[in-house]
Protein backbone atom coordinates (compact mmCIF):
# COMPACT_ATOMS: atom_id res chain seq x y z
CA UNK A 1 138.91 65.41 112.08
CA UNK A 2 138.45 67.71 109.02
CA UNK A 3 136.72 64.98 106.64
CA UNK A 4 134.14 64.52 109.58
CA UNK A 5 133.40 67.89 110.44
CA UNK A 6 132.65 68.52 105.91
CA UNK A 7 130.17 65.39 106.50
CA UNK A 8 128.61 66.58 109.17
CA UNK A 9 128.11 70.56 107.43
CA UNK A 10 126.52 68.49 104.55
CA UNK A 11 124.60 66.07 106.56
CA UNK A 12 123.18 68.59 108.40
CA UNK A 13 122.59 71.28 105.79
CA UNK A 14 120.99 69.03 103.66
CA UNK A 15 118.61 66.96 106.22
CA UNK A 16 117.32 71.26 107.32
CA UNK A 17 116.80 72.25 103.90
CA UNK A 18 115.19 68.72 102.88
CA UNK A 19 113.06 69.11 106.27
CA UNK A 20 109.31 69.27 105.46
CA UNK A 21 107.15 70.70 108.28
CA UNK A 22 108.86 72.81 111.45
CA UNK A 23 108.83 69.34 113.88
CA UNK A 24 111.33 67.69 111.35
CA UNK A 25 113.43 70.53 111.30
CA UNK A 26 113.37 70.90 115.14
CA UNK A 27 114.60 67.52 114.97
CA UNK A 28 116.66 67.90 112.52
CA UNK A 29 118.82 70.94 114.22
CA UNK A 30 118.89 68.94 117.68
CA UNK A 31 120.48 65.64 116.27
CA UNK A 32 122.94 67.27 114.10
CA UNK A 33 123.96 70.50 116.32
CA UNK A 34 124.31 67.59 119.27
CA UNK A 35 126.55 65.91 116.52
CA UNK A 36 128.57 68.75 116.01
CA UNK A 37 129.30 69.35 119.40
CA UNK A 38 130.36 65.95 120.43
CA UNK A 39 133.76 67.24 117.82
CA UNK A 40 134.98 69.21 120.90
CA UNK A 41 134.71 66.59 123.24
CA UNK A 42 137.01 64.69 121.10
CA UNK A 43 139.97 67.34 120.52
CA UNK A 44 141.86 66.39 123.73
CA UNK A 45 144.98 64.41 121.66
CA UNK A 46 145.53 67.40 119.29
CA UNK A 47 147.97 69.97 119.36
CA UNK A 48 147.13 73.10 120.00
CA UNK A 49 147.53 74.10 116.75
CA UNK A 50 145.31 71.73 115.28
CA UNK A 51 142.83 72.31 118.49
CA UNK A 52 142.72 76.03 117.29
CA UNK A 53 142.48 75.03 113.71
CA UNK A 54 139.75 72.76 114.22
CA UNK A 55 137.92 75.23 116.92
CA UNK A 56 137.76 77.79 114.00
CA UNK A 57 136.36 75.79 111.49
CA UNK A 58 133.75 73.68 113.97
CA UNK A 59 132.40 77.14 115.02
CA UNK A 60 131.75 78.79 111.12
CA UNK A 61 130.11 75.35 110.79
CA UNK A 62 128.22 75.59 113.84
CA UNK A 63 126.92 79.49 112.76
CA UNK A 64 126.44 78.18 109.41
CA UNK A 65 124.00 75.28 110.34
CA UNK A 66 122.23 77.50 112.90
CA UNK A 67 121.93 80.40 110.07
CA UNK A 68 120.21 77.91 107.81
CA UNK A 69 117.62 76.44 110.76
CA UNK A 70 116.85 80.00 111.37
CA UNK A 71 116.22 80.70 107.84
CA UNK A 72 113.91 77.00 107.08
CA UNK A 73 111.97 78.11 110.12
CA UNK A 74 111.14 81.68 108.94
CA UNK A 75 109.98 80.12 105.46
CA UNK A 76 107.67 78.08 107.63
CA UNK A 77 106.56 80.73 109.72
CA UNK A 78 105.99 82.76 106.27
CA UNK A 79 104.10 80.09 104.60
CA UNK A 80 101.66 79.40 107.60
CA UNK A 81 100.93 83.23 107.73
CA UNK A 82 99.94 83.33 104.25
CA UNK A 83 97.55 80.20 105.04
CA UNK A 84 95.94 81.48 107.70
CA UNK A 85 94.89 84.91 105.50
CA UNK A 86 92.43 83.11 103.76
CA UNK A 87 88.88 82.41 104.78
CA UNK A 88 86.32 80.74 103.96
CA UNK A 89 83.45 82.47 103.96
CA UNK A 90 80.88 79.19 103.43
CA UNK A 91 81.82 77.75 106.68
CA UNK A 92 79.37 77.83 109.15
CA UNK A 93 79.89 80.07 112.00
CA UNK A 94 80.75 78.75 115.76
CA UNK A 95 78.27 80.25 118.52
CA UNK A 96 79.67 81.36 121.04
CA UNK A 97 78.22 80.15 124.46
CA UNK A 98 77.68 82.98 126.92
CA UNK A 99 75.42 83.48 130.45
CA UNK A 100 72.03 85.09 130.60
CA UNK A 101 69.71 86.61 133.57
CA UNK A 102 68.18 84.02 135.79
CA UNK A 103 64.42 84.14 135.06
CA UNK A 104 63.35 84.97 138.61
CA UNK A 105 66.19 87.97 137.63
CA UNK A 106 64.46 88.57 134.96
CA UNK A 107 60.64 88.77 135.97
CA UNK A 108 62.35 91.39 139.55
CA UNK A 109 63.67 93.23 136.37
CA UNK A 110 60.30 92.93 135.00
CA UNK A 111 58.54 94.20 137.94
CA UNK A 112 61.09 96.86 138.75
CA UNK A 113 60.30 98.65 134.90
CA UNK A 114 56.88 98.74 135.95
CA UNK A 115 56.52 100.14 139.42
CA UNK A 116 59.42 102.55 137.97
CA UNK A 117 56.92 103.66 135.86
CA UNK A 118 54.12 104.26 137.99
CA UNK A 119 57.22 106.15 140.47
CA UNK A 120 58.34 103.44 142.70
CA UNK A 121 62.32 104.21 144.17
CA UNK A 122 63.79 100.43 144.47
CA UNK A 123 64.93 100.33 147.58
CA UNK A 124 67.82 97.22 148.76
CA UNK A 125 68.37 96.08 152.61
CA UNK A 126 69.81 93.24 154.76
CA UNK A 127 69.20 89.19 154.30
CA UNK A 128 70.07 88.87 158.10
CA UNK A 129 67.82 90.65 160.10
CA UNK A 130 68.06 91.57 164.00
CA UNK A 131 64.91 90.08 165.53
CA UNK A 132 63.46 93.95 166.07
CA UNK A 133 63.50 95.14 162.15
CA UNK A 134 61.70 91.46 161.05
CA UNK A 135 59.28 90.98 164.68
CA UNK A 136 58.86 93.10 167.18
CA UNK A 137 58.55 97.05 165.17
CA UNK A 138 56.31 95.14 162.43
CA UNK A 139 53.74 94.17 165.66
CA UNK A 140 54.87 91.26 166.53
CA UNK A 141 55.07 91.10 169.75
CA UNK A 142 57.08 87.81 171.35
CA UNK A 143 54.54 85.76 171.82
CA UNK A 144 52.11 86.46 169.25
CA UNK A 145 50.56 83.35 167.80
CA UNK A 146 51.90 84.51 163.59
CA UNK A 147 55.52 84.12 164.90
CA UNK A 148 54.50 80.75 164.88
CA UNK A 149 54.02 80.87 160.92
CA UNK A 150 57.53 82.29 159.96
CA UNK A 151 59.65 79.83 162.20
CA UNK A 152 62.84 79.93 160.82
CA UNK A 153 66.76 80.12 160.67
CA UNK A 154 68.47 81.97 164.01
CA UNK A 155 72.05 82.93 164.02
CA UNK A 156 74.12 82.69 166.80
CA UNK A 157 75.12 86.01 168.21
CA UNK A 158 77.08 87.51 171.67
CA UNK A 159 74.73 90.87 171.19
CA UNK A 160 71.05 90.62 169.46
CA UNK A 161 68.66 87.47 168.12
CA UNK A 162 69.98 87.61 164.33
CA UNK A 163 67.84 85.94 161.66
CA UNK A 164 67.53 85.56 158.33
CA UNK A 165 65.05 87.27 157.37
CA UNK A 166 61.07 86.13 156.70
CA UNK A 167 60.67 88.49 154.50
CA UNK A 168 61.34 91.33 153.03
CA UNK A 169 59.31 94.02 155.33
CA UNK A 170 62.16 94.66 157.01
CA UNK A 171 63.74 96.76 154.77
CA UNK A 172 60.45 99.14 155.66
CA UNK A 173 61.38 99.83 158.87
CA UNK A 174 64.87 100.25 157.88
CA UNK A 175 63.90 102.96 154.76
CA UNK A 176 61.11 105.14 156.93
CA UNK A 177 63.44 105.61 159.94
CA UNK A 178 66.19 107.05 157.64
CA UNK A 179 63.95 109.18 155.31
CA UNK A 180 61.25 111.61 155.37
CA UNK A 181 57.76 110.87 154.22
CA UNK A 182 56.05 110.83 151.67
CA UNK A 183 57.57 107.72 151.01
CA UNK A 184 56.97 105.21 147.53
CA UNK A 185 59.24 102.78 147.73
CA UNK A 186 59.31 98.32 146.26
CA UNK A 187 61.83 95.61 148.22
CA UNK A 188 62.89 93.25 145.85
CA UNK A 189 64.73 90.37 147.38
CA UNK A 190 64.96 86.59 148.75
CA UNK A 191 63.81 85.45 152.13
CA UNK A 192 64.21 82.49 154.56
CA UNK A 193 61.38 80.10 155.71
CA UNK A 194 61.36 76.54 157.76
CA UNK A 195 59.07 75.05 155.12
CA UNK A 196 58.80 71.56 154.24
CA UNK A 197 60.01 71.87 150.43
CA UNK A 198 57.53 70.53 147.70
CA UNK A 199 56.14 72.30 144.26
CA UNK A 200 55.16 74.80 146.03
CA UNK A 201 56.91 75.51 148.70
CA UNK A 202 60.76 76.47 149.56
CA UNK A 203 63.03 77.12 152.38
CA UNK A 204 64.07 80.29 150.23
CA UNK A 205 61.95 82.27 148.17
CA UNK A 206 61.69 86.13 146.47
CA UNK A 207 59.54 88.56 147.59
CA UNK A 208 58.38 91.73 146.00
CA UNK A 209 57.29 94.36 149.30
CA UNK A 210 55.74 97.91 148.39
CA UNK A 211 54.82 100.60 150.43
CA UNK A 212 53.68 103.72 149.90
CA UNK A 213 52.67 106.54 152.57
CA UNK A 214 51.54 110.28 151.97
CA UNK A 215 49.10 112.42 153.90
CA UNK A 216 46.18 110.82 152.09
CA UNK A 217 46.52 107.69 150.85
CA UNK A 218 43.74 105.14 150.81
CA UNK A 219 42.46 102.02 149.78
CA UNK A 220 41.54 103.04 146.57
CA UNK A 221 44.90 103.96 145.45
CA UNK A 222 46.43 100.80 146.20
CA UNK A 223 43.66 98.92 144.31
CA UNK A 224 44.68 101.14 141.79
CA UNK A 225 48.41 100.41 141.55
CA UNK A 226 47.97 96.14 141.88
CA UNK A 227 45.75 96.42 138.93
CA UNK A 228 47.69 98.13 137.17
CA UNK A 229 50.56 96.31 137.39
CA UNK A 230 48.83 93.33 136.83
CA UNK A 231 47.29 94.57 133.45
CA UNK A 232 51.18 95.17 132.47
CA UNK A 233 52.91 91.85 134.00
CA UNK A 234 50.39 89.27 132.62
CA UNK A 235 49.88 91.54 129.43
CA UNK A 236 45.86 91.60 129.39
CA UNK A 237 42.82 92.94 131.41
CA UNK A 238 42.70 91.25 134.80
CA UNK A 239 40.28 92.64 137.40
CA UNK A 240 41.03 92.33 141.13
CA UNK A 241 39.23 91.94 144.40
CA UNK A 242 39.85 92.48 147.92
CA UNK A 243 38.83 90.19 150.63
CA UNK A 244 39.21 91.05 154.69
CA UNK A 245 42.40 89.01 155.66
CA UNK A 246 44.71 89.53 159.39
CA UNK A 247 49.06 90.74 159.19
CA UNK A 248 50.15 92.10 162.32
CA UNK A 249 51.57 95.09 160.53
CA UNK A 250 48.40 96.23 158.37
CA UNK A 251 45.08 97.59 159.51
CA UNK A 252 42.55 96.53 158.09
CA UNK A 253 44.06 93.86 156.10
CA UNK A 254 43.19 92.01 152.99
CA UNK A 255 44.37 89.10 150.47
CA UNK A 256 44.33 90.13 147.03
CA UNK A 257 42.66 88.12 144.22
CA UNK A 258 43.12 88.32 140.52
CA UNK A 259 40.94 86.77 137.79
CA UNK A 260 42.73 83.69 136.26
CA UNK A 261 44.77 84.53 133.53
CA UNK A 262 44.26 80.58 132.18
CA UNK A 263 40.28 80.96 132.01
CA UNK A 264 40.15 84.72 132.30
CA UNK A 265 37.78 83.84 135.45
CA UNK A 266 35.63 81.27 133.58
CA UNK A 267 36.67 78.05 135.86
CA UNK A 268 39.24 75.94 135.46
CA UNK A 269 41.49 73.72 137.34
CA UNK A 270 44.53 76.14 138.48
CA UNK A 271 41.71 78.04 140.27
CA UNK A 272 39.72 75.26 141.50
CA UNK A 273 36.67 76.20 139.31
CA UNK A 274 36.59 79.74 140.77
CA UNK A 275 37.59 82.16 138.16
CA UNK A 276 40.10 84.22 140.75
CA UNK A 277 43.53 83.15 142.30
CA UNK A 278 44.93 84.43 145.37
CA UNK A 279 48.32 86.89 144.49
CA UNK A 280 48.99 88.80 147.25
CA UNK A 281 48.63 90.09 151.25
CA UNK A 282 48.16 93.63 151.92
CA UNK A 283 47.11 96.38 153.92
CA UNK A 284 46.92 99.65 155.71
CA UNK A 285 49.66 100.10 157.32
CA UNK A 286 49.36 99.31 160.97
CA UNK A 287 49.85 102.90 163.24
CA UNK A 288 52.46 101.08 165.64
CA UNK A 289 54.55 100.30 162.60
CA UNK A 290 54.69 104.29 161.29
CA UNK A 291 55.61 105.21 165.25
CA UNK A 292 58.19 102.52 165.37
CA UNK A 293 59.61 103.55 162.67
CA UNK A 294 59.88 107.45 163.74
CA UNK A 295 56.78 108.54 161.11
CA UNK A 296 53.92 110.37 162.96
CA UNK A 297 50.89 108.42 162.51
CA UNK A 298 48.12 111.07 162.89
CA UNK A 299 49.40 113.13 159.82
CA UNK A 300 50.56 110.18 157.59
CA UNK A 301 49.45 106.75 156.12
CA UNK A 302 49.21 104.79 153.55
CA UNK A 303 49.69 101.03 152.39
CA UNK A 304 52.22 97.98 151.94
CA UNK A 305 51.87 94.60 149.86
CA UNK A 306 53.63 92.20 149.37
CA UNK A 307 53.98 89.09 146.56
CA UNK A 308 55.54 85.59 146.57
CA UNK A 309 57.65 86.71 143.58
CA UNK A 310 58.39 82.99 142.80
CA UNK A 311 54.51 82.02 142.32
CA UNK A 312 54.45 85.49 140.37
CA UNK A 313 56.55 83.58 137.87
CA UNK A 314 55.07 80.28 138.06
CA UNK A 315 51.78 81.60 137.38
CA UNK A 316 53.00 83.69 134.13
CA UNK A 317 54.60 80.91 132.29
CA UNK A 318 52.81 77.62 133.58
CA UNK A 319 55.72 76.56 135.88
CA UNK A 320 54.48 73.45 137.96
CA UNK A 321 57.37 73.32 140.07
CA UNK A 322 59.04 76.13 142.36
CA UNK A 323 62.53 73.59 142.36
CA UNK A 324 62.66 74.32 139.35
CA UNK A 325 63.53 77.61 139.65
CA UNK A 326 66.83 76.35 142.25
CA UNK A 327 68.15 72.98 140.88
CA UNK A 328 70.21 74.33 137.90
CA UNK A 329 69.13 72.75 135.03
CA UNK A 330 70.08 74.20 132.15
CA UNK A 331 67.36 72.38 130.18
CA UNK A 332 64.87 74.31 132.25
CA UNK A 333 66.72 77.61 132.56
CA UNK A 334 68.26 78.35 128.90
CA UNK A 335 64.26 78.33 128.20
CA UNK A 336 64.09 81.72 129.27
């Protein structure tokens, strides 16, 4: 038995010391440790004195082999640490891939900065609205034909009729009900309508609503604000014009055209050879809307406007399909 233990010791130490890497070292240690452990199972036929002597020697060899294993392992760890300290500065770096803001978010941030520079504050509101804030308070009676243009997504509710908001105008009502005039706010956000999806229409899109209320606000103030915004956003000297229109929540109401950013007003396919592009709807806030919001229409007046923001971004970056914003195609999104 002593000879077998000596043979196991020599073989184990030799294989451990000759191991070329950590994997072979671990394998050699497990193999020889298992062989050493088998000696204990063969001690049943030995006398008490022999068991004691063999047991002591087997444990000494076990400790010796384990110590040799730990020392060899420490050698590999040290070599690995020394090698890792070398860094080849000529190797090209690995570019870290990180996300970035969606082009709509980037454009909204840009618009917010422009309006803040003109004294406007940012206000937000819920996307799930009740019928009163979305229609009634904005001078849309239940039987008003203008509601047909915003046939949308109603949500079942026991207490009141709820729907996904069709415009950001309800936030104006909520803000005026809880704040005292004067006001100068913008309301960016997502809205929802039952649209037939195509290159210029989506069932959800973004709007930026604007509201300015004071004692002596006029259409001239509105024109100055919008003209300044257009010049800042498109980065060029543009002109705007107002055309009569109709919206239930404003009186008088008008559509706003901007000189074509592509042809500078000379006429092209983008503007249908007219030199003008329709960019937003606006008007002086209807007295009924002010009264519904708790504002005295005899003391206060002002204007409201609304951008279809997706189309503004399409116009600025010459994008021909609004669906590109929402289909998650990174080939498109990574360009911004």
